[in-house]
Amino acid sequence: MHMEITPEIQSTIAKGVALTVVMLSTGALARYFNIKVNYTRKINHFAIFFLPVFIDKQFNAETFTDFIYLAISALITTASLLAFYEPIRTFLPPFQLMFEGFDRPEDRPHTLVWLWTQFAAGFGVMLPMIWLCGQWGLESLVLIPILINVLGDGLAEPVGVRFGKHEYKTKALFTNKEYLRTFEGSACVLITGFLVIGMHYEYFTTIQFILSMLFIPIIMTLTEAYSPHTWDTPFLMFTGYASLMLIMQF
């Protein structure tokens, strides 16, 4: 029986290879070149979103609006993190190298627990919201909260580490330890919010655009500021989509 190698299958294989190369590279940067994990972690952060989108387009696998495909991808992505479970990565050194690319010293021993639960909760919020957007005819706006999260929150940490001068504290799950964020880092979420909404202006009425510019960037910035350390994605997805869909009723 001949199995057809569809563009979706080709794209999935290419994404697996590309992300593996990126994660091995960031692990090597952290281990051998002493690049701060705050930076290598965010390279992975951007790669996990932008590489799949880019590769899907190369294979003409337009899958982002396919809810079933997204759900399967979410399950595979979340399950794949189990490869970084300590006994597995100890037995298989390449997984240990990849793990070092996102294992911030200040997150230990909770690095993997926080990462896994954030992925699971993030997809748990994002997928129903994407489905709702499809039901309400808002497909053209689906990327707004995702881009603000990926770009804004993705830049917040490296910008804060490099340029942050004004610090504030936040809590984390499963620990009483406090962690520092900076206003300079959080400003990345605010600025990205304005830019991303501006890029989508043609899909809004005038009142919807004004309300979106007034509320969504500040709501998502405050959400990022008050979310638990390393666990802001599910909260950003919820407040971003909820505020967007509310505004679109006007």
C-alpha atoms as a PDB file:
ATOM      1  CA  MET A   1       0.000   0.000   0.000  1.00  0.00           C
ATOM      2  CA  HIS A   2       1.499   3.297  -1.117  1.00  0.00           C
ATOM      3  CA  MET A   3       1.340   6.131   1.399  1.00  0.00           C
ATOM      4  CA  GLU A   4       1.079   9.589  -0.128  1.00  0.00           C
ATOM      5  CA  ILE A   5       3.636  12.037   1.205  1.00  0.00           C
ATOM      6  CA  THR A   6       1.408  15.101   1.463  1.00  0.00           C
ATOM      7  CA  PRO A   7       2.688  18.671   1.795  1.00  0.00           C
ATOM      8  CA  GLU A   8       1.563  18.559   5.436  1.00  0.00           C
ATOM      9  CA  ILE A   9       3.722  15.484   6.129  1.00  0.00           C
ATOM     10  CA  GLN A  10       6.712  16.985   4.307  1.00  0.00           C
ATOM     11  CA  SER A  11       6.259  20.223   6.231  1.00  0.00           C
ATOM     12  CA  THR A  12       6.027  18.399   9.575  1.00  0.00           C
ATOM     13  CA  ILE A  13       9.273  16.509   8.924  1.00  0.00           C
ATOM     14  CA  ALA A  14      11.049  19.694   7.820  1.00  0.00           C
ATOM     15  CA  LYS A  15       9.849  21.525  10.931  1.00  0.00           C
ATOM     16  CA  GLY A  16      11.126  18.755  13.189  1.00  0.00           C
ATOM     17  CA  VAL A  17      14.564  18.872  11.556  1.00  0.00           C
ATOM     18  CA  ALA A  18      14.750  22.677  11.566  1.00  0.00           C
ATOM     19  CA  LEU A  19      13.711  23.047  15.209  1.00  0.00           C
ATOM     20  CA  THR A  20      16.141  20.316  16.266  1.00  0.00           C
ATOM     21  CA  VAL A  21      18.997  22.168  14.537  1.00  0.00           C
ATOM     22  CA  VAL A  22      18.021  25.453  16.184  1.00  0.00           C
ATOM     23  CA  MET A  23      17.764  23.895  19.657  1.00  0.00           C
ATOM     24  CA  LEU A  24      21.104  22.088  19.305  1.00  0.00           C
ATOM     25  CA  SER A  25      22.667  25.368  18.168  1.00  0.00           C
ATOM     26  CA  THR A  26      21.280  27.381  21.081  1.00  0.00           C
ATOM     27  CA  GLY A  27      22.413  24.676  23.501  1.00  0.00           C
ATOM     28  CA  ALA A  28      25.896  24.871  22.017  1.00  0.00           C
ATOM     29  CA  LEU A  29      25.889  28.670  22.331  1.00  0.00           C
ATOM     30  CA  ALA A  30      24.999  28.394  26.015  1.00  0.00           C
ATOM     31  CA  ARG A  31      27.407  25.544  26.817  1.00  0.00           C
ATOM     32  CA  TYR A  32      30.475  26.364  24.743  1.00  0.00           C
ATOM     33  CA  PHE A  33      30.289  30.114  24.183  1.00  0.00           C
ATOM     34  CA  ASN A  34      28.753  31.202  27.510  1.00  0.00           C
ATOM     35  CA  ILE A  35      25.904  33.070  25.816  1.00  0.00           C
ATOM     36  CA  LYS A  36      23.287  33.927  28.424  1.00  0.00           C
ATOM     37  CA  VAL A  37      20.384  31.492  28.483  1.00  0.00           C
ATOM     38  CA  ASN A  38      18.100  34.536  28.649  1.00  0.00           C
ATOM     39  CA  TYR A  39      19.074  35.078  24.992  1.00  0.00           C
ATOM     40  CA  THR A  40      19.314  31.490  23.720  1.00  0.00           C
ATOM     41  CA  ARG A  41      15.954  30.688  25.282  1.00  0.00           C
ATOM     42  CA  LYS A  42      14.319  33.461  23.282  1.00  0.00           C
ATOM     43  CA  ILE A  43      15.921  32.280  20.041  1.00  0.00           C
ATOM     44  CA  ASN A  44      14.058  29.027  20.645  1.00  0.00           C
ATOM     45  CA  HIS A  45      10.934  31.033  21.532  1.00  0.00           C
ATOM     46  CA  PHE A  46      10.940  32.795  18.151  1.00  0.00           C
ATOM     47  CA  ALA A  47      11.929  29.667  16.224  1.00  0.00           C
ATOM     48  CA  ILE A  48       9.055  27.609  17.637  1.00  0.00           C
ATOM     49  CA  PHE A  49       6.569  30.037  16.134  1.00  0.00           C
ATOM     50  CA  PHE A  50       8.162  31.527  13.027  1.00  0.00           C
ATOM     51  CA  LEU A  51       9.926  28.474  11.601  1.00  0.00           C
ATOM     52  CA  PRO A  52       6.715  26.383  11.337  1.00  0.00           C
ATOM     53  CA  VAL A  53       4.851  29.269   9.671  1.00  0.00           C
ATOM     54  CA  PHE A  54       7.718  29.822   7.196  1.00  0.00           C
ATOM     55  CA  ILE A  55       8.116  26.108   6.422  1.00  0.00           C
ATOM     56  CA  ASP A  56       4.358  25.587   5.933  1.00  0.00           C
ATOM     57  CA  LYS A  57       4.425  28.296   3.280  1.00  0.00           C
ATOM     58  CA  GLN A  58       7.410  26.697   1.498  1.00  0.00           C
ATOM     59  CA  PHE A  59       5.494  23.424   1.173  1.00  0.00           C
ATOM     60  CA  ASN A  60       2.183  25.168   0.418  1.00  0.00           C
ATOM     61  CA  ALA A  61       0.797  23.565   3.546  1.00  0.00           C
ATOM     62  CA  GLU A  62      -1.564  26.303   4.647  1.00  0.00           C
ATOM     63  CA  THR A  63      -2.399  24.707   7.962  1.00  0.00           C
ATOM     64  CA  PHE A  64      -2.700  27.586  10.403  1.00  0.00           C
ATOM     65  CA  THR A  65      -6.465  27.854  10.044  1.00  0.00           C
ATOM     66  CA  ASP A  66      -6.936  24.053  10.106  1.00  0.00           C
ATOM     67  CA  PHE A  67      -8.106  23.466  13.664  1.00  0.00           C
ATOM     68  CA  ILE A  68      -7.529  19.694  13.634  1.00  0.00           C
ATOM     69  CA  TYR A  69      -3.975  20.141  12.350  1.00  0.00           C
ATOM     70  CA  LEU A  70      -3.309  22.775  15.004  1.00  0.00           C
ATOM     71  CA  ALA A  71      -4.648  20.532  17.756  1.00  0.00           C
ATOM     72  CA  ILE A  72      -2.489  17.602  16.632  1.00  0.00           C
ATOM     73  CA  SER A  73       0.568  19.867  16.386  1.00  0.00           C
ATOM     74  CA  ALA A  74      -0.114  21.168  19.905  1.00  0.00           C
ATOM     75  CA  LEU A  75      -0.277  17.636  21.299  1.00  0.00           C
ATOM     76  CA  ILE A  76       2.913  16.593  19.516  1.00  0.00           C
ATOM     77  CA  THR A  77       4.768  19.722  20.631  1.00  0.00           C
ATOM     78  CA  THR A  78       3.711  19.347  24.260  1.00  0.00           C
ATOM     79  CA  ALA A  79       4.459  15.614  24.313  1.00  0.00           C
ATOM     80  CA  SER A  80       7.876  16.159  22.723  1.00  0.00           C
ATOM     81  CA  LEU A  81       8.989  18.111  25.777  1.00  0.00           C
ATOM     82  CA  LEU A  82       9.003  14.826  27.697  1.00  0.00           C
ATOM     83  CA  ALA A  83      12.245  14.072  25.826  1.00  0.00           C
ATOM     84  CA  PHE A  84      13.889  16.562  28.191  1.00  0.00           C
ATOM     85  CA  TYR A  85      12.921  14.560  31.277  1.00  0.00           C
ATOM     86  CA  GLU A  86      16.168  14.148  33.214  1.00  0.00           C
ATOM     87  CA  PRO A  87      16.670  10.362  32.829  1.00  0.00           C
ATOM     88  CA  ILE A  88      16.060  10.655  29.070  1.00  0.00           C
ATOM     89  CA  ARG A  89      18.346  13.611  28.456  1.00  0.00           C
ATOM     90  CA  THR A  90      21.025  12.036  30.641  1.00  0.00           C
ATOM     91  CA  PHE A  91      20.885   8.877  28.526  1.00  0.00           C
ATOM     92  CA  LEU A  92      20.768  10.832  25.244  1.00  0.00           C
ATOM     93  CA  PRO A  93      23.349  13.696  25.323  1.00  0.00           C
ATOM     94  CA  PRO A  94      21.877  15.677  22.370  1.00  0.00           C
ATOM     95  CA  PHE A  95      18.713  16.233  24.407  1.00  0.00           C
ATOM     96  CA  GLN A  96      20.816  17.482  27.315  1.00  0.00           C
ATOM     97  CA  LEU A  97      22.539  19.929  24.964  1.00  0.00           C
ATOM     98  CA  MET A  98      19.174  21.184  23.669  1.00  0.00           C
ATOM     99  CA  PHE A  99      17.881  21.502  27.244  1.00  0.00           C
ATOM    100  CA  GLU A 100      20.788  23.766  28.186  1.00  0.00           C
ATOM    101  CA  GLY A 101      19.585  26.248  25.585  1.00  0.00           C
ATOM    102  CA  PHE A 102      16.538  27.110  27.714  1.00  0.00           C
ATOM    103  CA  ASP A 103      17.495  25.994  31.237  1.00  0.00           C
ATOM    104  CA  ARG A 104      17.911  29.305  33.068  1.00  0.00           C
ATOM    105  CA  PRO A 105      19.845  28.831  36.325  1.00  0.00           C
ATOM    106  CA  GLU A 106      17.280  30.872  38.250  1.00  0.00           C
ATOM    107  CA  ASP A 107      14.485  28.534  37.115  1.00  0.00           C
ATOM    108  CA  ARG A 108      16.028  25.348  38.489  1.00  0.00           C
ATOM    109  CA  PRO A 109      14.709  22.873  39.597  1.00  0.00           C
ATOM    110  CA  HIS A 110      11.378  23.929  38.044  1.00  0.00           C
ATOM    111  CA  THR A 111      12.557  24.620  34.462  1.00  0.00           C
ATOM    112  CA  LEU A 112      10.888  21.666  32.785  1.00  0.00           C
ATOM    113  CA  VAL A 113       7.741  21.691  34.928  1.00  0.00           C
ATOM    114  CA  TRP A 114       7.135  25.364  34.181  1.00  0.00           C
ATOM    115  CA  LEU A 115       7.873  24.906  30.487  1.00  0.00           C
ATOM    116  CA  TRP A 116       5.651  21.855  30.078  1.00  0.00           C
ATOM    117  CA  THR A 117       2.704  23.243  32.049  1.00  0.00           C
ATOM    118  CA  GLN A 118       2.915  26.605  30.257  1.00  0.00           C
ATOM    119  CA  PHE A 119       2.829  24.880  26.858  1.00  0.00           C
ATOM    120  CA  ALA A 120      -0.119  22.715  27.896  1.00  0.00           C
ATOM    121  CA  ALA A 121      -2.056  25.619  29.419  1.00  0.00           C
ATOM    122  CA  GLY A 122      -1.137  27.963  26.549  1.00  0.00           C
ATOM    123  CA  PHE A 123      -2.473  25.565  23.931  1.00  0.00           C
ATOM    124  CA  GLY A 124      -5.447  24.829  26.189  1.00  0.00           C
ATOM    125  CA  VAL A 125      -6.420  28.501  26.015  1.00  0.00           C
ATOM    126  CA  MET A 126      -5.271  29.313  22.479  1.00  0.00           C
ATOM    127  CA  LEU A 127      -6.963  26.486  20.568  1.00  0.00           C
ATOM    128  CA  PRO A 128     -10.525  27.148  21.824  1.00  0.00           C
ATOM    129  CA  MET A 129     -10.015  30.863  21.193  1.00  0.00           C
ATOM    130  CA  ILE A 130      -8.868  30.197  17.606  1.00  0.00           C
ATOM    131  CA  TRP A 131     -11.901  27.950  17.136  1.00  0.00           C
ATOM    132  CA  LEU A 132     -14.191  30.700  18.439  1.00  0.00           C
ATOM    133  CA  CYS A 133     -12.610  33.231  16.099  1.00  0.00           C
ATOM    134  CA  GLY A 134     -13.393  30.863  13.234  1.00  0.00           C
ATOM    135  CA  GLN A 135     -17.008  30.526  14.361  1.00  0.00           C
ATOM    136  CA  TRP A 136     -17.389  34.304  14.618  1.00  0.00           C
ATOM    137  CA  GLY A 137     -15.725  35.052  11.272  1.00  0.00           C
ATOM    138  CA  LEU A 138     -12.657  36.644  12.863  1.00  0.00           C
ATOM    139  CA  GLU A 139     -10.006  34.493  11.139  1.00  0.00           C
ATOM    140  CA  SER A 140      -8.201  37.596   9.869  1.00  0.00           C
ATOM    141  CA  LEU A 141      -7.532  38.679  13.473  1.00  0.00           C
ATOM    142  CA  VAL A 142      -6.383  35.327  14.904  1.00  0.00           C
ATOM    143  CA  LEU A 143      -2.701  36.285  14.795  1.00  0.00           C
ATOM    144  CA  ILE A 144      -3.020  39.490  16.836  1.00  0.00           C
ATOM    145  CA  PRO A 145      -2.728  38.042  20.375  1.00  0.00           C
ATOM    146  CA  ILE A 146      -0.244  35.410  19.172  1.00  0.00           C
ATOM    147  CA  LEU A 147       2.089  37.969  17.594  1.00  0.00           C
ATOM    148  CA  ILE A 148       1.911  40.260  20.618  1.00  0.00           C
ATOM    149  CA  ASN A 149       2.823  37.287  22.789  1.00  0.00           C
ATOM    150  CA  VAL A 150       5.551  35.905  20.519  1.00  0.00           C
ATOM    151  CA  LEU A 151       7.187  39.217  19.633  1.00  0.00           C
ATOM    152  CA  GLY A 152       6.407  41.386  22.639  1.00  0.00           C
ATOM    153  CA  ASP A 153       6.957  38.828  25.356  1.00  0.00           C
ATOM    154  CA  GLY A 154       9.785  37.279  23.351  1.00  0.00           C
ATOM    155  CA  LEU A 155      11.675  40.588  23.305  1.00  0.00           C
ATOM    156  CA  ALA A 156      10.804  41.533  26.878  1.00  0.00           C
ATOM    157  CA  GLU A 157      13.422  39.347  28.552  1.00  0.00           C
ATOM    158  CA  PRO A 158      16.465  40.048  26.349  1.00  0.00           C
ATOM    159  CA  VAL A 159      15.639  43.767  26.279  1.00  0.00           C
ATOM    160  CA  GLY A 160      15.153  43.758  30.051  1.00  0.00           C
ATOM    161  CA  VAL A 161      18.422  41.899  30.634  1.00  0.00           C
ATOM    162  CA  ARG A 162      20.379  44.188  28.330  1.00  0.00           C
ATOM    163  CA  PHE A 163      18.742  47.565  28.905  1.00  0.00           C
ATOM    164  CA  GLY A 164      16.480  47.203  31.939  1.00  0.00           C
ATOM    165  CA  LYS A 165      17.064  49.722  34.733  1.00  0.00           C
ATOM    166  CA  HIS A 166      13.673  49.889  36.450  1.00  0.00           C
ATOM    167  CA  GLU A 167      12.843  46.593  38.101  1.00  0.00           C
ATOM    168  CA  TYR A 168       9.741  45.127  39.722  1.00  0.00           C
ATOM    169  CA  LYS A 169       9.068  41.732  41.266  1.00  0.00           C
ATOM    170  CA  THR A 170       6.811  38.855  40.310  1.00  0.00           C
ATOM    171  CA  LYS A 171       6.002  35.466  41.793  1.00  0.00           C
ATOM    172  CA  ALA A 172       6.206  31.998  40.246  1.00  0.00           C
ATOM    173  CA  LEU A 173       4.340  28.716  40.543  1.00  0.00           C
ATOM    174  CA  PHE A 174       5.419  26.096  43.107  1.00  0.00           C
ATOM    175  CA  THR A 175       7.829  28.427  44.906  1.00  0.00           C
ATOM    176  CA  ASN A 176       7.892  31.495  47.157  1.00  0.00           C
ATOM    177  CA  LYS A 177      10.948  32.871  45.390  1.00  0.00           C
ATOM    178  CA  GLU A 178      10.525  36.263  43.760  1.00  0.00           C
ATOM    179  CA  TYR A 179      11.756  37.070  40.251  1.00  0.00           C
ATOM    180  CA  LEU A 180      12.629  40.386  38.638  1.00  0.00           C
ATOM    181  CA  ARG A 181      11.090  41.929  35.564  1.00  0.00           C
ATOM    182  CA  THR A 182      11.747  45.390  34.159  1.00  0.00           C
ATOM    183  CA  PHE A 183       9.551  48.168  32.878  1.00  0.00           C
ATOM    184  CA  GLU A 184      11.794  48.396  29.813  1.00  0.00           C
ATOM    185  CA  GLY A 185      11.097  44.736  29.032  1.00  0.00           C
ATOM    186  CA  SER A 186       7.376  45.084  29.610  1.00  0.00           C
ATOM    187  CA  ALA A 187       7.327  48.112  27.298  1.00  0.00           C
ATOM    188  CA  CYS A 188       8.144  45.689  24.459  1.00  0.00           C
ATOM    189  CA  VAL A 189       4.704  44.123  24.903  1.00  0.00           C
ATOM    190  CA  LEU A 190       3.034  47.543  24.809  1.00  0.00           C
ATOM    191  CA  ILE A 191       4.883  48.759  21.705  1.00  0.00           C
ATOM    192  CA  THR A 192       4.390  45.447  19.903  1.00  0.00           C
ATOM    193  CA  GLY A 193       0.671  45.634  20.693  1.00  0.00           C
ATOM    194  CA  PHE A 194       0.334  48.982  18.957  1.00  0.00           C
ATOM    195  CA  LEU A 195       2.345  47.819  15.940  1.00  0.00           C
ATOM    196  CA  VAL A 196       0.526  44.506  15.485  1.00  0.00           C
ATOM    197  CA  ILE A 197      -2.929  46.083  15.759  1.00  0.00           C
ATOM    198  CA  GLY A 198      -1.841  48.822  13.358  1.00  0.00           C
ATOM    199  CA  MET A 199      -0.836  46.136  10.842  1.00  0.00           C
ATOM    200  CA  HIS A 200      -4.403  44.779  10.958  1.00  0.00           C
ATOM    201  CA  TYR A 201      -6.259  48.124  10.743  1.00  0.00           C
ATOM    202  CA  GLU A 202      -8.054  47.179   7.513  1.00  0.00           C
ATOM    203  CA  TYR A 203      -9.991  44.438   9.324  1.00  0.00           C
ATOM    204  CA  PHE A 204     -11.535  46.824  11.869  1.00  0.00           C
ATOM    205  CA  THR A 205     -14.224  49.435  11.717  1.00  0.00           C
ATOM    206  CA  THR A 206     -13.068  52.843  12.944  1.00  0.00           C
ATOM    207  CA  ILE A 207     -14.510  52.381  16.435  1.00  0.00           C
ATOM    208  CA  GLN A 208     -13.143  48.834  16.698  1.00  0.00           C
ATOM    209  CA  PHE A 209      -9.665  50.026  15.688  1.00  0.00           C
ATOM    210  CA  ILE A 210      -9.703  52.876  18.208  1.00  0.00           C
ATOM    211  CA  LEU A 211     -10.903  50.608  21.029  1.00  0.00           C
ATOM    212  CA  SER A 212      -8.330  47.957  20.109  1.00  0.00           C
ATOM    213  CA  MET A 213      -5.476  50.467  20.164  1.00  0.00           C
ATOM    214  CA  LEU A 214      -6.694  51.913  23.445  1.00  0.00           C
ATOM    215  CA  PHE A 215      -7.211  48.676  25.344  1.00  0.00           C
ATOM    216  CA  ILE A 216      -5.510  45.562  23.925  1.00  0.00           C
ATOM    217  CA  PRO A 217      -1.850  46.699  24.225  1.00  0.00           C
ATOM    218  CA  ILE A 218      -2.260  47.955  27.800  1.00  0.00           C
ATOM    219  CA  ILE A 219      -4.334  44.923  28.869  1.00  0.00           C
ATOM    220  CA  MET A 220      -1.737  42.499  27.519  1.00  0.00           C
ATOM    221  CA  THR A 221       1.138  44.539  28.997  1.00  0.00           C
ATOM    222  CA  LEU A 222      -0.457  44.448  32.450  1.00  0.00           C
ATOM    223  CA  THR A 223      -1.156  40.740  31.989  1.00  0.00           C
ATOM    224  CA  GLU A 224       2.515  40.068  31.217  1.00  0.00           C
ATOM    225  CA  ALA A 225       3.550  42.140  34.221  1.00  0.00           C
ATOM    226  CA  TYR A 226       1.326  40.331  36.726  1.00  0.00           C
ATOM    227  CA  SER A 227       1.548  36.783  35.323  1.00  0.00           C
ATOM    228  CA  PRO A 228       3.655  34.196  37.173  1.00  0.00           C
ATOM    229  CA  HIS A 229       7.288  33.941  36.118  1.00  0.00           C
ATOM    230  CA  THR A 230       7.675  31.817  32.905  1.00  0.00           C
ATOM    231  CA  TRP A 231       3.900  31.234  32.869  1.00  0.00           C
ATOM    232  CA  ASP A 232       2.574  34.299  31.079  1.00  0.00           C
ATOM    233  CA  THR A 233       1.546  32.709  27.762  1.00  0.00           C
ATOM    234  CA  PRO A 234      -1.841  31.250  28.850  1.00  0.00           C
ATOM    235  CA  PHE A 235      -2.788  34.518  30.560  1.00  0.00           C
ATOM    236  CA  LEU A 236      -1.699  36.601  27.560  1.00  0.00           C
ATOM    237  CA  MET A 237      -3.662  34.351  25.206  1.00  0.00           C
ATOM    238  CA  PHE A 238      -6.803  34.605  27.336  1.00  0.00           C
ATOM    239  CA  THR A 239      -6.814  38.361  27.933  1.00  0.00           C
ATOM    240  CA  GLY A 240      -5.696  39.086  24.366  1.00  0.00           C
ATOM    241  CA  TYR A 241      -8.409  37.041  22.684  1.00  0.00           C
ATOM    242  CA  ALA A 242     -11.101  37.909  25.220  1.00  0.00           C
ATOM    243  CA  SER A 243     -10.551  41.666  24.861  1.00  0.00           C
ATOM    244  CA  LEU A 244     -10.302  41.384  21.062  1.00  0.00           C
ATOM    245  CA  MET A 245     -13.522  39.420  20.696  1.00  0.00           C
ATOM    246  CA  LEU A 246     -15.346  41.761  23.054  1.00  0.00           C
ATOM    247  CA  ILE A 247     -14.236  44.801  21.079  1.00  0.00           C
ATOM    248  CA  MET A 248     -15.313  43.167  17.811  1.00  0.00           C
ATOM    249  CA  GLN A 249     -18.923  43.187  19.060  1.00  0.00           C
ATOM    250  CA  PHE A 250     -19.024  46.975  18.647  1.00  0.00           C
END
